[in-house]
Amino acid sequence: MKEKRGWFDKKENLIFFLRIFYGSLVGLLVIDFFISKHPDFSFDGAPNFFAAYGFISCVMLVLVAKVLRMLLIRDEDYYDR
């Protein structure tokens, strides 16, 4: 039986999707320069502040999770004992 191929299995479709995705990200970053903001603090009025804040928060979350994994890891047979 022939396996059904999905839309992302074709390399040209994946490249097309990634170009649209990254283009929309760049577009949103450019649009942020032209939107008027009403900041509560001086630093959150900076261009693309929330994009940088989200990225840094995500990276920090991954790093903290790696440290916690080292602290909380159990042996493979922990529940079998």
C-alpha atoms as a PDB file:
ATOM      1  CA  MET A   1       0.000   0.000   0.000  1.00  0.00           C
ATOM      2  CA  LYS A   2       1.341   3.421  -0.908  1.00  0.00           C
ATOM      3  CA  GLU A   3       1.813   5.776   2.030  1.00  0.00           C
ATOM      4  CA  LYS A   4      -0.046   9.069   1.728  1.00  0.00           C
ATOM      5  CA  ARG A   5       2.269  12.064   1.621  1.00  0.00           C
ATOM      6  CA  GLY A   6       1.435  15.222   3.522  1.00  0.00           C
ATOM      7  CA  TRP A   7       1.716  18.800   2.366  1.00  0.00           C
ATOM      8  CA  PHE A   8       4.963  19.414   4.282  1.00  0.00           C
ATOM      9  CA  ASP A   9       6.617  16.277   2.895  1.00  0.00           C
ATOM     10  CA  LYS A  10       7.386  18.134  -0.336  1.00  0.00           C
ATOM     11  CA  LYS A  11      10.495  20.264   0.086  1.00  0.00           C
ATOM     12  CA  GLU A  12       9.213  23.120  -2.078  1.00  0.00           C
ATOM     13  CA  ASN A  13       6.043  23.420   0.034  1.00  0.00           C
ATOM     14  CA  LEU A  14       8.079  23.555   3.223  1.00  0.00           C
ATOM     15  CA  ILE A  15      10.376  26.228   1.799  1.00  0.00           C
ATOM     16  CA  PHE A  16       7.319  28.228   0.650  1.00  0.00           C
ATOM     17  CA  PHE A  17       5.767  28.021   4.109  1.00  0.00           C
ATOM     18  CA  LEU A  18       8.996  29.016   5.877  1.00  0.00           C
ATOM     19  CA  ARG A  19       9.450  32.036   3.601  1.00  0.00           C
ATOM     20  CA  ILE A  20       5.931  33.218   4.377  1.00  0.00           C
ATOM     21  CA  PHE A  21       6.430  32.548   8.100  1.00  0.00           C
ATOM     22  CA  TYR A  22       9.756  34.394   8.371  1.00  0.00           C
ATOM     23  CA  GLY A  23       8.481  37.171   6.125  1.00  0.00           C
ATOM     24  CA  SER A  24       5.509  37.714   8.419  1.00  0.00           C
ATOM     25  CA  LEU A  25       7.834  37.826  11.440  1.00  0.00           C
ATOM     26  CA  VAL A  26      10.018  40.469   9.792  1.00  0.00           C
ATOM     27  CA  GLY A  27       6.884  42.365   8.760  1.00  0.00           C
ATOM     28  CA  LEU A  28       5.619  42.428  12.329  1.00  0.00           C
ATOM     29  CA  LEU A  29       8.980  43.690  13.571  1.00  0.00           C
ATOM     30  CA  VAL A  30       8.925  46.496  10.982  1.00  0.00           C
ATOM     31  CA  ILE A  31       5.310  47.423  11.739  1.00  0.00           C
ATOM     32  CA  ASP A  32       6.190  47.830  15.416  1.00  0.00           C
ATOM     33  CA  PHE A  33       8.272  50.909  14.559  1.00  0.00           C
ATOM     34  CA  PHE A  34       5.161  52.695  13.228  1.00  0.00           C
ATOM     35  CA  ILE A  35       2.644  51.835  15.961  1.00  0.00           C
ATOM     36  CA  SER A  36       2.132  54.427  18.678  1.00  0.00           C
ATOM     37  CA  LYS A  37       2.632  52.987  22.125  1.00  0.00           C
ATOM     38  CA  HIS A  38       1.413  54.021  25.552  1.00  0.00           C
ATOM     39  CA  PRO A  39       4.204  52.711  27.802  1.00  0.00           C
ATOM     40  CA  ASP A  40       3.805  52.425  31.549  1.00  0.00           C
ATOM     41  CA  PHE A  41       7.573  52.490  32.045  1.00  0.00           C
ATOM     42  CA  SER A  42      10.376  54.080  30.047  1.00  0.00           C
ATOM     43  CA  PHE A  43      11.839  50.776  28.825  1.00  0.00           C
ATOM     44  CA  ASP A  44       8.665  49.191  27.460  1.00  0.00           C
ATOM     45  CA  GLY A  45       8.239  51.974  24.926  1.00  0.00           C
ATOM     46  CA  ALA A  46      11.388  50.853  23.072  1.00  0.00           C
ATOM     47  CA  PRO A  47      10.873  49.443  19.586  1.00  0.00           C
ATOM     48  CA  ASN A  48      10.373  45.675  19.587  1.00  0.00           C
ATOM     49  CA  PHE A  49      10.731  45.501  23.367  1.00  0.00           C
ATOM     50  CA  PHE A  50       8.095  42.808  23.767  1.00  0.00           C
ATOM     51  CA  ALA A  51       9.585  40.655  20.999  1.00  0.00           C
ATOM     52  CA  ALA A  52      12.978  40.758  22.721  1.00  0.00           C
ATOM     53  CA  TYR A  53      11.374  40.220  26.136  1.00  0.00           C
ATOM     54  CA  GLY A  54       9.499  37.148  24.882  1.00  0.00           C
ATOM     55  CA  PHE A  55      12.591  35.677  23.243  1.00  0.00           C
ATOM     56  CA  ILE A  56      14.775  36.197  26.313  1.00  0.00           C
ATOM     57  CA  SER A  57      12.049  34.761  28.563  1.00  0.00           C
ATOM     58  CA  CYS A  58      11.782  31.647  26.397  1.00  0.00           C
ATOM     59  CA  VAL A  59      15.550  31.106  26.426  1.00  0.00           C
ATOM     60  CA  MET A  60      15.661  31.562  30.205  1.00  0.00           C
ATOM     61  CA  LEU A  61      12.805  29.078  30.642  1.00  0.00           C
ATOM     62  CA  VAL A  62      14.714  26.433  28.678  1.00  0.00           C
ATOM     63  CA  LEU A  63      17.920  27.038  30.664  1.00  0.00           C
ATOM     64  CA  VAL A  64      16.107  26.849  34.003  1.00  0.00           C
ATOM     65  CA  ALA A  65      14.384  23.636  32.890  1.00  0.00           C
ATOM     66  CA  LYS A  66      17.760  22.070  32.063  1.00  0.00           C
ATOM     67  CA  VAL A  67      19.081  22.900  35.527  1.00  0.00           C
ATOM     68  CA  LEU A  68      15.923  21.594  37.194  1.00  0.00           C
ATOM     69  CA  ARG A  69      16.170  18.371  35.203  1.00  0.00           C
ATOM     70  CA  MET A  70      19.663  17.762  36.566  1.00  0.00           C
ATOM     71  CA  LEU A  71      18.421  18.370  40.118  1.00  0.00           C
ATOM     72  CA  LEU A  72      15.206  16.347  39.922  1.00  0.00           C
ATOM     73  CA  ILE A  73      16.196  13.418  37.696  1.00  0.00           C
ATOM     74  CA  ARG A  74      15.467   9.930  39.026  1.00  0.00           C
ATOM     75  CA  ASP A  75      16.845   6.544  38.098  1.00  0.00           C
ATOM     76  CA  GLU A  76      15.136   4.707  35.279  1.00  0.00           C
ATOM     77  CA  ASP A  77      13.768   2.058  37.639  1.00  0.00           C
ATOM     78  CA  TYR A  78      12.714   4.538  40.369  1.00  0.00           C
ATOM     79  CA  TYR A  79       9.034   3.524  40.394  1.00  0.00           C
ATOM     80  CA  ASP A  80       9.778  -0.200  40.074  1.00  0.00           C
ATOM     81  CA  ARG A  81      11.587  -0.377  43.409  1.00  0.00           C
END
